[in-house]
C-alpha atoms as a PDB file:
ATOM      1  CA  MET A   1     -11.051  -3.316 -21.010  1.00  0.00           C
ATOM      2  CA  THR A   2      -9.352  -3.615 -17.605  1.00  0.00           C
ATOM      3  CA  HIS A   3      -9.097  -1.433 -14.509  1.00  0.00           C
ATOM      4  CA  TYR A   4      -5.654  -1.801 -12.920  1.00  0.00           C
ATOM      5  CA  ILE A   5      -4.699  -0.558  -9.458  1.00  0.00           C
ATOM      6  CA  TYR A   6      -1.003  -0.529  -8.539  1.00  0.00           C
ATOM      7  CA  LEU A   7      -0.600  -0.572  -4.758  1.00  0.00           C
ATOM      8  CA  VAL A   8       2.765   0.699  -3.541  1.00  0.00           C
ATOM      9  CA  ARG A   9       4.011   0.873   0.009  1.00  0.00           C
ATOM     10  CA  HIS A  10       5.954   4.088   0.654  1.00  0.00           C
ATOM     11  CA  GLY A  11       9.742   4.051   0.833  1.00  0.00           C
ATOM     12  CA  GLU A  12      11.614   3.531   4.096  1.00  0.00           C
ATOM     13  CA  HIS A  13      11.523   6.684   6.220  1.00  0.00           C
ATOM     14  CA  GLN A  14      14.260   8.117   8.415  1.00  0.00           C
ATOM     15  CA  ASP A  15      12.392   7.962  11.716  1.00  0.00           C
ATOM     16  CA  ALA A  16      11.224   4.359  11.392  1.00  0.00           C
ATOM     17  CA  GLU A  17      14.025   3.040  13.599  1.00  0.00           C
ATOM     18  CA  TYR A  18      13.073   5.460  16.388  1.00  0.00           C
ATOM     19  CA  GLY A  19       9.419   4.444  16.452  1.00  0.00           C
ATOM     20  CA  LEU A  20       8.135   7.835  15.327  1.00  0.00           C
ATOM     21  CA  ALA A  21       4.938   8.004  13.302  1.00  0.00           C
ATOM     22  CA  ASP A  22       6.269   9.830  10.268  1.00  0.00           C
ATOM     23  CA  GLY A  23       9.343  11.389   8.721  1.00  0.00           C
ATOM     24  CA  PRO A  24      11.121  12.039   5.440  1.00  0.00           C
ATOM     25  CA  LEU A  25      12.449   9.177   3.339  1.00  0.00           C
ATOM     26  CA  SER A  26      15.805   7.777   4.369  1.00  0.00           C
ATOM     27  CA  PRO A  27      18.528   7.588   1.699  1.00  0.00           C
ATOM     28  CA  ARG A  28      17.488   3.960   1.180  1.00  0.00           C
ATOM     29  CA  GLY A  29      13.869   5.036   0.928  1.00  0.00           C
ATOM     30  CA  GLN A  30      14.726   7.681  -1.668  1.00  0.00           C
ATOM     31  CA  ARG A  31      16.434   5.061  -3.809  1.00  0.00           C
ATOM     32  CA  GLN A  32      13.494   2.657  -3.362  1.00  0.00           C
ATOM     33  CA  ALA A  33      11.128   5.424  -4.487  1.00  0.00           C
ATOM     34  CA  GLU A  34      13.226   6.204  -7.571  1.00  0.00           C
ATOM     35  CA  LEU A  35      13.246   2.541  -8.563  1.00  0.00           C
ATOM     36  CA  ILE A  36       9.492   2.020  -8.178  1.00  0.00           C
ATOM     37  CA  ALA A  37       9.056   5.210 -10.225  1.00  0.00           C
ATOM     38  CA  ASP A  38      11.218   3.682 -12.958  1.00  0.00           C
ATOM     39  CA  ARG A  39       9.155   0.480 -12.758  1.00  0.00           C
ATOM     40  CA  LEU A  40       5.897   2.391 -13.244  1.00  0.00           C
ATOM     41  CA  SER A  41       7.201   4.799 -15.873  1.00  0.00           C
ATOM     42  CA  GLY A  42       6.096   2.730 -18.874  1.00  0.00           C
ATOM     43  CA  LEU A  43       2.452   2.677 -17.818  1.00  0.00           C
ATOM     44  CA  PRO A  44      -0.262   4.975 -19.228  1.00  0.00           C
ATOM     45  CA  LEU A  45      -1.217   6.212 -15.770  1.00  0.00           C
ATOM     46  CA  ASP A  46      -4.521   7.988 -15.281  1.00  0.00           C
ATOM     47  CA  ALA A  47      -4.008   8.953 -11.633  1.00  0.00           C
ATOM     48  CA  VAL A  48      -1.599   8.725  -8.715  1.00  0.00           C
ATOM     49  CA  TRP A  49      -3.143   8.910  -5.245  1.00  0.00           C
ATOM     50  CA  HIS A  50      -1.173   8.944  -2.017  1.00  0.00           C
ATOM     51  CA  SER A  51      -1.489   9.116   1.733  1.00  0.00           C
ATOM     52  CA  PRO A  52      -0.949  12.636   3.103  1.00  0.00           C
ATOM     53  CA  LEU A  53       1.815  11.393   5.420  1.00  0.00           C
ATOM     54  CA  LEU A  54       5.280  12.681   4.525  1.00  0.00           C
ATOM     55  CA  ARG A  55       6.826   9.319   3.650  1.00  0.00           C
ATOM     56  CA  ALA A  56       4.054   8.594   1.120  1.00  0.00           C
ATOM     57  CA  ASN A  57       4.085  12.156  -0.183  1.00  0.00           C
ATOM     58  CA  GLU A  58       7.823  12.000  -0.909  1.00  0.00           C
ATOM     59  CA  THR A  59       7.427   8.606  -2.602  1.00  0.00           C
ATOM     60  CA  ALA A  60       4.690  10.077  -4.806  1.00  0.00           C
ATOM     61  CA  ARG A  61       6.927  13.030  -5.699  1.00  0.00           C
ATOM     62  CA  ALA A  62       9.612  10.608  -6.885  1.00  0.00           C
ATOM     63  CA  VAL A  63       7.048   8.984  -9.178  1.00  0.00           C
ATOM     64  CA  ALA A  64       5.908  12.383 -10.461  1.00  0.00           C
ATOM     65  CA  ALA A  65       9.519  13.368 -11.216  1.00  0.00           C
ATOM     66  CA  ARG A  66       9.701  10.504 -13.735  1.00  0.00           C
ATOM     67  CA  LEU A  67       6.106  10.880 -14.919  1.00  0.00           C
ATOM     68  CA  PRO A  68       5.559  14.618 -15.334  1.00  0.00           C
ATOM     69  CA  SER A  69       2.206  14.023 -17.047  1.00  0.00           C
ATOM     70  CA  VAL A  70       0.622  12.888 -13.748  1.00  0.00           C
ATOM     71  CA  ASP A  71      -0.047  15.094 -10.747  1.00  0.00           C
ATOM     72  CA  PRO A  72      -0.180  13.027  -7.532  1.00  0.00           C
ATOM     73  CA  GLU A  73      -3.089  13.854  -5.241  1.00  0.00           C
ATOM     74  CA  PRO A  74      -3.298  13.229  -1.488  1.00  0.00           C
ATOM     75  CA  THR A  75      -6.335  11.506  -0.001  1.00  0.00           C
ATOM     76  CA  ALA A  76      -7.144  10.791   3.637  1.00  0.00           C
ATOM     77  CA  LEU A  77      -8.590   7.438   2.519  1.00  0.00           C
ATOM     78  CA  LEU A  78      -5.006   6.151   2.221  1.00  0.00           C
ATOM     79  CA  PHE A  79      -3.798   7.239   5.685  1.00  0.00           C
ATOM     80  CA  ASP A  80      -2.029   4.642   7.810  1.00  0.00           C
ATOM     81  CA  CYS A  81      -4.653   2.937   9.977  1.00  0.00           C
ATOM     82  CA  VAL A  82      -5.680  -0.211  11.856  1.00  0.00           C
ATOM     83  CA  PRO A  83      -8.737  -1.594   9.997  1.00  0.00           C
ATOM     84  CA  THR A  84     -10.071  -3.969  12.679  1.00  0.00           C
ATOM     85  CA  GLY A  85      -9.635  -5.034  16.273  1.00  0.00           C
ATOM     86  CA  MET A  86      -9.629  -8.518  17.733  1.00  0.00           C
ATOM     87  CA  THR A  87     -12.497 -10.713  16.514  1.00  0.00           C
ATOM     88  CA  ASP A  88     -13.652 -14.171  17.580  1.00  0.00           C
ATOM     89  CA  GLU A  89     -11.680 -15.567  14.639  1.00  0.00           C
ATOM     90  CA  THR A  90      -8.454 -13.636  15.286  1.00  0.00           C
ATOM     91  CA  PRO A  91      -5.693 -15.921  16.649  1.00  0.00           C
ATOM     92  CA  SER A  92      -4.801 -14.978  20.217  1.00  0.00           C
ATOM     93  CA  VAL A  93      -1.148 -14.478  19.223  1.00  0.00           C
ATOM     94  CA  PHE A  94      -2.185 -11.093  17.796  1.00  0.00           C
ATOM     95  CA  GLU A  95      -3.642  -9.796  21.076  1.00  0.00           C
ATOM     96  CA  PRO A  96      -0.462  -7.938  22.176  1.00  0.00           C
ATOM     97  CA  PHE A  97      -0.540  -5.878  18.965  1.00  0.00           C
ATOM     98  CA  PHE A  98      -3.937  -4.455  19.852  1.00  0.00           C
ATOM     99  CA  GLY A  99      -2.893  -3.568  23.388  1.00  0.00           C
ATOM    100  CA  SER A 100      -1.719  -0.122  22.289  1.00  0.00           C
ATOM    101  CA  VAL A 101      -4.570   0.535  19.827  1.00  0.00           C
ATOM    102  CA  THR A 102      -7.639   2.365  21.130  1.00  0.00           C
ATOM    103  CA  GLU A 103     -11.244   1.515  20.236  1.00  0.00           C
ATOM    104  CA  ALA A 104     -11.552   4.968  18.658  1.00  0.00           C
ATOM    105  CA  GLU A 105      -8.548   4.278  16.390  1.00  0.00           C
ATOM    106  CA  ILE A 106     -10.025   0.939  15.345  1.00  0.00           C
ATOM    107  CA  GLU A 107     -13.427   2.471  14.577  1.00  0.00           C
ATOM    108  CA  ALA A 108     -11.780   5.252  12.573  1.00  0.00           C
ATOM    109  CA  GLY A 109      -9.679   2.717  10.666  1.00  0.00           C
ATOM    110  CA  ARG A 110     -12.674   0.525   9.909  1.00  0.00           C
ATOM    111  CA  ALA A 111     -14.681   3.494   8.598  1.00  0.00           C
ATOM    112  CA  GLN A 112     -11.733   4.742   6.544  1.00  0.00           C
ATOM    113  CA  MET A 113     -11.145   1.400   4.854  1.00  0.00           C
ATOM    114  CA  SER A 114     -14.847   0.932   4.153  1.00  0.00           C
ATOM    115  CA  ASP A 115     -14.836   4.308   2.405  1.00  0.00           C
ATOM    116  CA  ALA A 116     -11.555   3.501   0.614  1.00  0.00           C
ATOM    117  CA  VAL A 117     -12.941   0.238  -0.778  1.00  0.00           C
ATOM    118  CA  ASN A 118     -16.098   2.015  -1.944  1.00  0.00           C
ATOM    119  CA  GLU A 119     -14.006   4.744  -3.572  1.00  0.00           C
ATOM    120  CA  PHE A 120     -11.286   2.742  -5.294  1.00  0.00           C
ATOM    121  CA  LEU A 121     -12.623  -0.780  -5.863  1.00  0.00           C
ATOM    122  CA  VAL A 122     -15.265   0.541  -8.234  1.00  0.00           C
ATOM    123  CA  ARG A 123     -15.045  -0.380 -11.904  1.00  0.00           C
ATOM    124  CA  LYS A 124     -14.385   2.596 -14.133  1.00  0.00           C
ATOM    125  CA  THR A 125     -15.101   2.776 -17.853  1.00  0.00           C
ATOM    126  CA  GLY A 126     -12.424   1.723 -20.322  1.00  0.00           C
ATOM    127  CA  ASP A 127      -8.804   0.835 -19.602  1.00  0.00           C
ATOM    128  CA  VAL A 128      -7.762   2.491 -16.331  1.00  0.00           C
ATOM    129  CA  HIS A 129      -4.362   2.585 -14.604  1.00  0.00           C
ATOM    130  CA  GLU A 130      -4.214   4.074 -11.096  1.00  0.00           C
ATOM    131  CA  VAL A 131      -1.388   4.106  -8.547  1.00  0.00           C
ATOM    132  CA  LEU A 132      -2.120   4.176  -4.812  1.00  0.00           C
ATOM    133  CA  ILE A 133       0.924   4.991  -2.649  1.00  0.00           C
ATOM    134  CA  THR A 134       0.025   4.113   0.894  1.00  0.00           C
ATOM    135  CA  HIS A 135       0.882   1.990   3.942  1.00  0.00           C
ATOM    136  CA  ASN A 136       1.383  -1.634   4.850  1.00  0.00           C
ATOM    137  CA  PHE A 137      -1.943  -2.196   6.635  1.00  0.00           C
ATOM    138  CA  VAL A 138      -3.946  -0.372   3.957  1.00  0.00           C
ATOM    139  CA  ILE A 139      -2.505  -2.542   1.184  1.00  0.00           C
ATOM    140  CA  SER A 140      -3.104  -5.642   3.303  1.00  0.00           C
ATOM    141  CA  TRP A 141      -6.755  -4.665   3.670  1.00  0.00           C
ATOM    142  CA  PHE A 142      -7.206  -4.155  -0.087  1.00  0.00           C
ATOM    143  CA  VAL A 143      -5.649  -7.565  -0.799  1.00  0.00           C
ATOM    144  CA  ARG A 144      -7.819  -9.222   1.864  1.00  0.00           C
ATOM    145  CA  GLU A 145     -10.880  -7.541   0.341  1.00  0.00           C
ATOM    146  CA  VAL A 146     -10.062  -8.736  -3.180  1.00  0.00           C
ATOM    147  CA  LEU A 147      -9.531 -12.304  -1.918  1.00  0.00           C
ATOM    148  CA  ALA A 148     -12.683 -12.137   0.247  1.00  0.00           C
ATOM    149  CA  ALA A 149     -10.617 -13.479   3.144  1.00  0.00           C
ATOM    150  CA  PRO A 150     -11.719 -13.250   6.805  1.00  0.00           C
ATOM    151  CA  GLU A 151     -11.219  -9.776   8.275  1.00  0.00           C
ATOM    152  CA  TRP A 152      -8.299 -10.709  10.522  1.00  0.00           C
ATOM    153  CA  ARG A 153      -6.232 -12.033   7.610  1.00  0.00           C
ATOM    154  CA  TRP A 154      -4.940  -8.539   6.820  1.00  0.00           C
ATOM    155  CA  MET A 155      -2.614  -9.082   9.772  1.00  0.00           C
ATOM    156  CA  THR A 156      -0.877 -11.963   7.987  1.00  0.00           C
ATOM    157  CA  LEU A 157       0.098  -9.921   4.921  1.00  0.00           C
ATOM    158  CA  ASN A 158       3.218  -7.809   4.675  1.00  0.00           C
ATOM    159  CA  GLN A 159       4.653  -5.529   2.012  1.00  0.00           C
ATOM    160  CA  SER A 160       8.235  -4.412   1.476  1.00  0.00           C
ATOM    161  CA  HIS A 161       8.982  -0.701   1.195  1.00  0.00           C
ATOM    162  CA  CYS A 162       8.173   0.199  -2.433  1.00  0.00           C
ATOM    163  CA  GLY A 163       7.015  -3.351  -3.123  1.00  0.00           C
ATOM    164  CA  LEU A 164       4.420  -3.536  -5.905  1.00  0.00           C
ATOM    165  CA  THR A 165       1.024  -5.213  -5.573  1.00  0.00           C
ATOM    166  CA  VAL A 166      -1.305  -5.202  -8.582  1.00  0.00           C
ATOM    167  CA  ILE A 167      -5.040  -5.844  -8.555  1.00  0.00           C
ATOM    168  CA  ALA A 168      -7.276  -5.684 -11.607  1.00  0.00           C
ATOM    169  CA  GLN A 169     -10.842  -6.052 -12.764  1.00  0.00           C
ATOM    170  CA  LYS A 170     -12.019  -6.916 -16.253  1.00  0.00           C
ATOM    171  CA  GLN A 171     -15.510  -5.859 -17.270  1.00  0.00           C
ATOM    172  CA  GLY A 172     -18.096  -8.138 -15.657  1.00  0.00           C
ATOM    173  CA  ARG A 173     -15.545 -10.066 -13.573  1.00  0.00           C
ATOM    174  CA  PRO A 174     -14.502  -9.831  -9.914  1.00  0.00           C
ATOM    175  CA  TRP A 175     -11.336  -8.104  -8.775  1.00  0.00           C
ATOM    176  CA  THR A 176      -8.255 -10.278  -9.139  1.00  0.00           C
ATOM    177  CA  LEU A 177      -4.861 -10.260  -7.423  1.00  0.00           C
ATOM    178  CA  LEU A 178      -2.262 -10.238 -10.217  1.00  0.00           C
ATOM    179  CA  THR A 179       0.885  -9.912  -8.130  1.00  0.00           C
ATOM    180  CA  HIS A 180       1.700  -9.314  -4.474  1.00  0.00           C
ATOM    181  CA  ASN A 181       4.730  -7.522  -3.028  1.00  0.00           C
ATOM    182  CA  ASP A 182       6.796  -7.723  -6.209  1.00  0.00           C
ATOM    183  CA  THR A 183      10.298  -6.427  -5.442  1.00  0.00           C
ATOM    184  CA  GLY A 184      11.932  -7.331  -8.755  1.00  0.00           C
ATOM    185  CA  HIS A 185      12.840  -3.683  -9.364  1.00  0.00           C
ATOM    186  CA  LEU A 186      14.780  -3.459  -6.080  1.00  0.00           C
ATOM    187  CA  PRO A 187      18.319  -4.791  -5.574  1.00  0.00           C
ATOM    188  CA  VAL A 188      18.557  -7.153  -2.630  1.00  0.00           C
ATOM    189  CA  GLU A 189      20.050  -4.533  -0.298  1.00  0.00           C
ATOM    190  CA  LEU A 190      16.910  -2.397  -0.702  1.00  0.00           C
ATOM    191  CA  ARG A 191      14.389  -5.164  -0.016  1.00  0.00           C
ATOM    192  CA  THR A 192      12.807  -4.998   3.429  1.00  0.00           C
ATOM    193  CA  GLY A 193      10.774  -7.541   5.355  1.00  0.00           C
ATOM    194  CA  ILE A 194      12.506 -10.531   3.767  1.00  0.00           C
ATOM    195  CA  PRO A 195      14.575 -13.089   5.747  1.00  0.00           C
ATOM    196  CA  ASP A 196      18.284 -12.303   5.606  1.00  0.00           C
ATOM    197  CA  ALA A 197      19.053 -15.787   4.253  1.00  0.00           C
ATOM    198  CA  LEU A 198      17.198 -14.886   1.056  1.00  0.00           C
ATOM    199  CA  LEU A 199      19.250 -11.742   0.562  1.00  0.00           C
ATOM    200  CA  VAL A 200      22.610 -13.464   0.043  1.00  0.00           C
END
């Protein structure tokens, strides 16, 4: 008996290039969402959870369109957030990133991710398949948690839009990272965050 969690970063959104916080999926993002939906369609899904932000909501709707038996539910535990600030261990190269992040935002992000871990990384009975459609930093934090890596290491992880990360837990065993940022379902022109030389 295994509990599987499929972590999906939302599709590319239209306002990303303008630095706005949220927006509808771009045409590329819509296609990314359709393809991750196809990738997940063979699974016996028990639940689909998503961030309330529009780009995650629209990605979840694309999944639901191919899996009418599941009804995606929003949860504030999957909001985009910054889980930590600078620590004594954090390399100084990351300091500029935190220059625009307030202490209140960091505290809120830390509390949110603590609650998210306590909510989702809890073994459920039987075989379980859950999808979490969320944001880059949130997925990074879950992966860091599963690997028991130092807190700052979430900053060194990156996920492509609609990349697939899978974590799992067998009865009596710790959580395991099965795959990270799998983009096999996306043609090269839809893969983000990868060096251009690898896309030719």
